[in-house]
Amino acid sequence: MGEGDTFIYENILNAETVTKTFMELLPVIKGGNGKTDWYAMSTSKGNKIKRLTFTRAKMWTNINNEVWEPIYRYPVNLQNICRTEEMTEMVQKVVTIVEELTNESLNHVVGNMYMDQNDNIPPHHDKELDIKCGSKIISVSLGEERTMSLIKDNSTDIQNQEIKLKNGSIIIIGPKTN
């Protein structure tokens, strides 16, 4: 898929892990356990973004007992609203499975909750401000099936690949596709 460096995996996460993680992340108002704080973001122009977002990370303590966390900047959004929290046990379990699948170490997770079937992120390239050059972008889909479009635009020929992401599926997007 994509430029040949993008792969989708289904059935890597067992049903229990998918359900527990989904319920842990889902707010109480939506029927979940409410263990994650979700934030409404705005664009740099102050326009509210429909989807909700969270950021979780592996925190560490330096020699001065100061807690450090990885930085992930949302270049378009007013991100000061979105606080980074420590990874929960279930999120860390999914991260460990993804690390084993990809043979890469992950230090943070960004979550997006779409409010309805019309809510989406428009076509974009993930920013590499705070990730190692050449890194893969990994997306774990929980909940309703969603369609992801991989769009190649070389200005003379636009190609679109639509991929159905089922509950529990994992897509790994390579740097050439991103």
Foldseek 3Di string as FASTA:
>chain_A
DFVPQKDKDPPLDPPVLLVLVVLCCDCVVRPHPRVFDWAFKAFPVGHTAQKTKAKEFAWDADPVRDIDAADDDDVGIPCVRHDYHHDDPSSVVVQVSVCVVVVDHDTMDMDIGAPDLPHDDPDDDDDCPRPDPFAKDKDFDADAKHWDWQWDPPPVDIDIDIDIHHHGMMMIHTPNSD
